[in-house]
Each structure stands twice: as C-alpha cells, then as structure tokens.
Amino acid sequence: MGENALKGGRAYQGATPMMFGYSDEGWVLLLYPAVLWVLFGPFAMVALGVWCASAPGPRPRLWSVLVPLVPVVTSAIFMIFPLSRWDRPVLADGSLGPPAQWDEFLSYLAVYVGGITVLPWLLGYGITRLLRFIRARRCGRIPALPGSPPP
C-alpha cells in the first residue's frame, strides 16, 4: 500500500480501489445482459424461431423482438457512445473521411446483431418450416409436384 492508502493508521476513505480485477463502477452491471447474450442468445433465438414457425399469431413474433432487445440495445449504446469517437477526420485533400468508429460499428452489427441474434432465429424458423413442409408432403396433405416420383 502506498502513502495515500493509509492516513494516520486507518484505511483511506476515498475512492474504492479496484480489487481482484473487478471494477467498482456501477455501469458495468449493464454489460451483464450483453455478455450473457453472447453465451445463451443464439440458443434462445433458435427456440424463438422454432416457436414462430410452429405457432400462428403475433405473440411469438413479439417475444422474438422483446427478448433480445435489452442486451442488443445495451451493447449498441456502448458501441455508439461517447460520440466524440465519431468525429470525421480531415483527409489529405481537405475532404471529410468516414469516422474511424464506422468500421467497428459495422463489424458489431454483423457479428452481434446478425450472427448472434438474427441468424439463429432464421435457422430455427427455416428448418422448422422445411421439416413441416416435408412431413405434410409425406402424409399427402400437400400434393406432389408434377413429374416427381411417388413417395
């Protein structure tokens, strides 16, 4: 401990130092849904995609939007702010170039939103609809295509 940590034999009452690698900032708690979404989000979205393909009505579709809303919006806020990172640099010819943050934000959209959230939902929905179509065709509820061999 340094000189500032102890004053007069008792512990310093100022800002709490970081202990064991954890931050003492409260806003870090907002990142827990985003981190958990990376681990469990694809499984939840596959389940929601299957539910949307199996059940008619607006309820499954509404939940497909509401469930990923908190982690995706929370992580998007951390990608966008602070706005000072979005300043456009002046190029050598005097024109304004794209912000340096733009490439990072597009990568975030591709991986976090597209790969972790939308793609698993599409896979769950598409595979369920395909299986239901194949089963309906085997049972004779959907006529076979003309020129195709009988089952």
C-alpha atoms as a PDB file:
ATOM      1  CA  MET A   1       0.000   0.000   0.000  1.00  0.00           C
ATOM      2  CA  GLY A   2       1.222   3.442  -0.839  1.00  0.00           C
ATOM      3  CA  GLU A   3       1.295   6.561   1.278  1.00  0.00           C
ATOM      4  CA  ASN A   4      -2.141   7.654   0.089  1.00  0.00           C
ATOM      5  CA  ALA A   5      -3.780   4.364   1.075  1.00  0.00           C
ATOM      6  CA  LEU A   6      -3.187   4.811   4.799  1.00  0.00           C
ATOM      7  CA  LYS A   7      -3.586   8.104   6.620  1.00  0.00           C
ATOM      8  CA  GLY A   8      -2.926   8.197  10.317  1.00  0.00           C
ATOM      9  CA  GLY A   9      -3.086   4.435  10.764  1.00  0.00           C
ATOM     10  CA  ARG A  10      -6.570   3.907   9.282  1.00  0.00           C
ATOM     11  CA  ALA A  11      -7.706   2.986   5.810  1.00  0.00           C
ATOM     12  CA  TYR A  12      -8.162   5.771   3.301  1.00  0.00           C
ATOM     13  CA  GLN A  13     -11.861   6.631   2.944  1.00  0.00           C
ATOM     14  CA  GLY A  14     -11.673   7.948  -0.633  1.00  0.00           C
ATOM     15  CA  ALA A  15     -12.436   6.078  -3.848  1.00  0.00           C
ATOM     16  CA  THR A  16     -12.538   2.329  -3.560  1.00  0.00           C
ATOM     17  CA  PRO A  17      -9.570   0.774  -5.334  1.00  0.00           C
ATOM     18  CA  MET A  18     -10.135  -1.952  -7.883  1.00  0.00           C
ATOM     19  CA  MET A  19      -9.870  -5.300  -6.149  1.00  0.00           C
ATOM     20  CA  PHE A  20      -9.463  -8.725  -7.746  1.00  0.00           C
ATOM     21  CA  GLY A  21      -9.798  -7.307 -11.256  1.00  0.00           C
ATOM     22  CA  TYR A  22     -13.389  -6.097 -10.839  1.00  0.00           C
ATOM     23  CA  SER A  23     -14.389  -2.521 -11.447  1.00  0.00           C
ATOM     24  CA  ASP A  24     -16.194  -0.533  -8.803  1.00  0.00           C
ATOM     25  CA  GLU A  25     -18.214   1.320 -11.417  1.00  0.00           C
ATOM     26  CA  GLY A  26     -21.939   0.676 -11.336  1.00  0.00           C
ATOM     27  CA  TRP A  27     -22.418   0.951 -15.092  1.00  0.00           C
ATOM     28  CA  VAL A  28     -20.501  -2.297 -15.591  1.00  0.00           C
ATOM     29  CA  LEU A  29     -23.620  -4.112 -14.378  1.00  0.00           C
ATOM     30  CA  LEU A  30     -25.331  -3.016 -17.591  1.00  0.00           C
ATOM     31  CA  LEU A  31     -22.945  -5.221 -19.553  1.00  0.00           C
ATOM     32  CA  TYR A  32     -24.012  -8.472 -17.895  1.00  0.00           C
ATOM     33  CA  PRO A  33     -27.037  -8.976 -20.195  1.00  0.00           C
ATOM     34  CA  ALA A  34     -24.821  -8.329 -23.212  1.00  0.00           C
ATOM     35  CA  VAL A  35     -22.197 -10.849 -22.077  1.00  0.00           C
ATOM     36  CA  LEU A  36     -24.821 -13.464 -21.211  1.00  0.00           C
ATOM     37  CA  TRP A  37     -26.444 -12.885 -24.602  1.00  0.00           C
ATOM     38  CA  VAL A  38     -23.206 -13.919 -26.323  1.00  0.00           C
ATOM     39  CA  LEU A  39     -23.327 -17.245 -24.470  1.00  0.00           C
ATOM     40  CA  PHE A  40     -27.042 -18.058 -24.413  1.00  0.00           C
ATOM     41  CA  GLY A  41     -28.582 -15.733 -27.005  1.00  0.00           C
ATOM     42  CA  PRO A  42     -28.183 -17.995 -30.046  1.00  0.00           C
ATOM     43  CA  PHE A  43     -29.980 -20.845 -28.241  1.00  0.00           C
ATOM     44  CA  ALA A  44     -32.789 -18.531 -27.168  1.00  0.00           C
ATOM     45  CA  MET A  45     -33.155 -17.177 -30.699  1.00  0.00           C
ATOM     46  CA  VAL A  46     -33.281 -20.679 -32.222  1.00  0.00           C
ATOM     47  CA  ALA A  47     -36.039 -21.562 -29.764  1.00  0.00           C
ATOM     48  CA  LEU A  48     -37.920 -18.368 -30.611  1.00  0.00           C
ATOM     49  CA  GLY A  49     -37.534 -19.065 -34.339  1.00  0.00           C
ATOM     50  CA  VAL A  50     -38.973 -22.545 -33.877  1.00  0.00           C
ATOM     51  CA  TRP A  51     -41.830 -21.092 -31.826  1.00  0.00           C
ATOM     52  CA  CYS A  52     -42.592 -18.529 -34.541  1.00  0.00           C
ATOM     53  CA  ALA A  53     -42.652 -21.228 -37.208  1.00  0.00           C
ATOM     54  CA  SER A  54     -44.862 -23.518 -35.119  1.00  0.00           C
ATOM     55  CA  ALA A  55     -47.382 -21.131 -33.609  1.00  0.00           C
ATOM     56  CA  PRO A  56     -49.512 -18.654 -35.524  1.00  0.00           C
ATOM     57  CA  GLY A  57     -50.252 -15.163 -34.284  1.00  0.00           C
ATOM     58  CA  PRO A  58     -48.354 -12.099 -33.136  1.00  0.00           C
ATOM     59  CA  ARG A  59     -47.325 -13.358 -29.694  1.00  0.00           C
ATOM     60  CA  PRO A  60     -44.239 -15.398 -30.743  1.00  0.00           C
ATOM     61  CA  ARG A  61     -43.124 -12.634 -33.077  1.00  0.00           C
ATOM     62  CA  LEU A  62     -43.474 -10.036 -30.333  1.00  0.00           C
ATOM     63  CA  TRP A  63     -41.333 -12.126 -27.979  1.00  0.00           C
ATOM     64  CA  SER A  64     -38.776 -12.597 -30.754  1.00  0.00           C
ATOM     65  CA  VAL A  65     -38.279  -8.834 -30.688  1.00  0.00           C
ATOM     66  CA  LEU A  66     -38.586  -8.238 -26.941  1.00  0.00           C
ATOM     67  CA  VAL A  67     -36.214 -10.963 -25.705  1.00  0.00           C
ATOM     68  CA  PRO A  68     -33.060  -9.687 -27.472  1.00  0.00           C
ATOM     69  CA  LEU A  69     -33.992  -6.020 -27.019  1.00  0.00           C
ATOM     70  CA  VAL A  70     -32.187  -5.351 -23.722  1.00  0.00           C
ATOM     71  CA  PRO A  71     -28.801  -6.982 -24.488  1.00  0.00           C
ATOM     72  CA  VAL A  72     -28.649  -5.730 -28.076  1.00  0.00           C
ATOM     73  CA  VAL A  73     -29.619  -2.143 -27.210  1.00  0.00           C
ATOM     74  CA  THR A  74     -27.278  -2.101 -24.203  1.00  0.00           C
ATOM     75  CA  SER A  75     -24.317  -3.234 -26.262  1.00  0.00           C
ATOM     76  CA  ALA A  76     -25.260  -0.840 -29.086  1.00  0.00           C
ATOM     77  CA  ILE A  77     -25.199   2.062 -26.636  1.00  0.00           C
ATOM     78  CA  PHE A  78     -21.676   1.108 -25.600  1.00  0.00           C
ATOM     79  CA  MET A  79     -20.674   0.900 -29.262  1.00  0.00           C
ATOM     80  CA  ILE A  80     -22.099   4.333 -30.125  1.00  0.00           C
ATOM     81  CA  PHE A  81     -21.096   6.402 -27.087  1.00  0.00           C
ATOM     82  CA  PRO A  82     -19.049   8.505 -26.479  1.00  0.00           C
ATOM     83  CA  LEU A  83     -19.959  10.484 -29.525  1.00  0.00           C
ATOM     84  CA  SER A  84     -16.505  12.060 -29.674  1.00  0.00           C
ATOM     85  CA  ARG A  85     -15.245   8.836 -31.284  1.00  0.00           C
ATOM     86  CA  TRP A  86     -17.491   9.582 -34.275  1.00  0.00           C
ATOM     87  CA  ASP A  87     -15.630  12.751 -35.305  1.00  0.00           C
ATOM     88  CA  ARG A  88     -14.840  12.640 -39.006  1.00  0.00           C
ATOM     89  CA  PRO A  89     -11.143  13.034 -39.810  1.00  0.00           C
ATOM     90  CA  VAL A  90      -9.985  15.512 -42.440  1.00  0.00           C
ATOM     91  CA  LEU A  91      -8.258  13.728 -45.318  1.00  0.00           C
ATOM     92  CA  ALA A  92      -5.149  14.969 -47.144  1.00  0.00           C
ATOM     93  CA  ASP A  93      -7.249  16.537 -49.929  1.00  0.00           C
ATOM     94  CA  GLY A  94      -9.296  18.513 -47.374  1.00  0.00           C
ATOM     95  CA  SER A  95     -12.473  16.430 -47.556  1.00  0.00           C
ATOM     96  CA  LEU A  96     -14.029  14.681 -44.592  1.00  0.00           C
ATOM     97  CA  GLY A  97     -13.457  10.957 -44.344  1.00  0.00           C
ATOM     98  CA  PRO A  98     -15.625   8.345 -42.680  1.00  0.00           C
ATOM     99  CA  PRO A  99     -15.379   8.148 -38.890  1.00  0.00           C
ATOM    100  CA  ALA A 100     -12.936   5.584 -37.553  1.00  0.00           C
ATOM    101  CA  GLN A 101     -15.728   4.138 -35.420  1.00  0.00           C
ATOM    102  CA  TRP A 102     -17.792   3.283 -38.518  1.00  0.00           C
ATOM    103  CA  ASP A 103     -15.901   0.063 -39.340  1.00  0.00           C
ATOM    104  CA  GLU A 104     -16.141  -1.126 -35.748  1.00  0.00           C
ATOM    105  CA  PHE A 105     -19.873  -0.410 -35.662  1.00  0.00           C
ATOM    106  CA  LEU A 106     -20.482  -2.312 -38.918  1.00  0.00           C
ATOM    107  CA  SER A 107     -18.493  -5.244 -37.541  1.00  0.00           C
ATOM    108  CA  TYR A 108     -20.584  -5.114 -34.369  1.00  0.00           C
ATOM    109  CA  LEU A 109     -23.800  -5.163 -36.405  1.00  0.00           C
ATOM    110  CA  ALA A 110     -22.581  -8.108 -38.476  1.00  0.00           C
ATOM    111  CA  VAL A 111     -21.382 -10.258 -35.577  1.00  0.00           C
ATOM    112  CA  TYR A 112     -23.521  -9.325 -32.579  1.00  0.00           C
ATOM    113  CA  VAL A 113     -26.809  -8.476 -34.252  1.00  0.00           C
ATOM    114  CA  GLY A 114     -26.558 -10.582 -37.406  1.00  0.00           C
ATOM    115  CA  GLY A 115     -24.580 -13.602 -36.254  1.00  0.00           C
ATOM    116  CA  ILE A 116     -25.724 -13.983 -32.662  1.00  0.00           C
ATOM    117  CA  THR A 117     -29.305 -12.711 -32.888  1.00  0.00           C
ATOM    118  CA  VAL A 118     -30.801 -12.833 -36.389  1.00  0.00           C
ATOM    119  CA  LEU A 119     -29.047 -15.829 -37.978  1.00  0.00           C
ATOM    120  CA  PRO A 120     -30.018 -18.357 -35.250  1.00  0.00           C
ATOM    121  CA  TRP A 121     -33.633 -17.144 -35.434  1.00  0.00           C
ATOM    122  CA  LEU A 122     -33.646 -17.588 -39.220  1.00  0.00           C
ATOM    123  CA  LEU A 123     -32.133 -21.066 -38.910  1.00  0.00           C
ATOM    124  CA  GLY A 124     -34.687 -22.160 -36.316  1.00  0.00           C
ATOM    125  CA  TYR A 125     -37.560 -20.716 -38.322  1.00  0.00           C
ATOM    126  CA  GLY A 126     -36.372 -22.031 -41.688  1.00  0.00           C
ATOM    127  CA  ILE A 127     -35.544 -25.557 -40.523  1.00  0.00           C
ATOM    128  CA  THR A 128     -38.878 -25.871 -38.717  1.00  0.00           C
ATOM    129  CA  ARG A 129     -40.839 -24.692 -41.759  1.00  0.00           C
ATOM    130  CA  LEU A 130     -38.871 -27.048 -44.020  1.00  0.00           C
ATOM    131  CA  LEU A 131     -39.496 -30.041 -41.736  1.00  0.00           C
ATOM    132  CA  ARG A 132     -43.205 -29.235 -41.501  1.00  0.00           C
ATOM    133  CA  PHE A 133     -43.389 -28.979 -45.290  1.00  0.00           C
ATOM    134  CA  ILE A 134     -41.628 -32.328 -45.787  1.00  0.00           C
ATOM    135  CA  ARG A 135     -43.849 -34.060 -43.213  1.00  0.00           C
ATOM    136  CA  ALA A 136     -47.010 -32.607 -44.757  1.00  0.00           C
ATOM    137  CA  ARG A 137     -45.923 -33.768 -48.205  1.00  0.00           C
ATOM    138  CA  ARG A 138     -45.176 -37.297 -46.969  1.00  0.00           C
ATOM    139  CA  CYS A 139     -48.590 -37.556 -45.324  1.00  0.00           C
ATOM    140  CA  GLY A 140     -50.290 -36.491 -48.538  1.00  0.00           C
ATOM    141  CA  ARG A 141     -51.638 -33.179 -47.275  1.00  0.00           C
ATOM    142  CA  ILE A 142     -49.658 -31.373 -49.987  1.00  0.00           C
ATOM    143  CA  PRO A 143     -49.822 -32.875 -53.499  1.00  0.00           C
ATOM    144  CA  ALA A 144     -46.552 -33.947 -55.079  1.00  0.00           C
ATOM    145  CA  LEU A 145     -45.063 -31.838 -57.822  1.00  0.00           C
ATOM    146  CA  PRO A 146     -45.942 -32.933 -61.366  1.00  0.00           C
ATOM    147  CA  GLY A 147     -43.279 -35.217 -62.788  1.00  0.00           C
ATOM    148  CA  SER A 148     -41.814 -36.164 -59.402  1.00  0.00           C
ATOM    149  CA  PRO A 149     -41.586 -39.848 -58.412  1.00  0.00           C
ATOM    150  CA  PRO A 150     -44.182 -41.131 -55.923  1.00  0.00           C
ATOM    151  CA  PRO A 151     -43.023 -41.428 -52.287  1.00  0.00           C
END
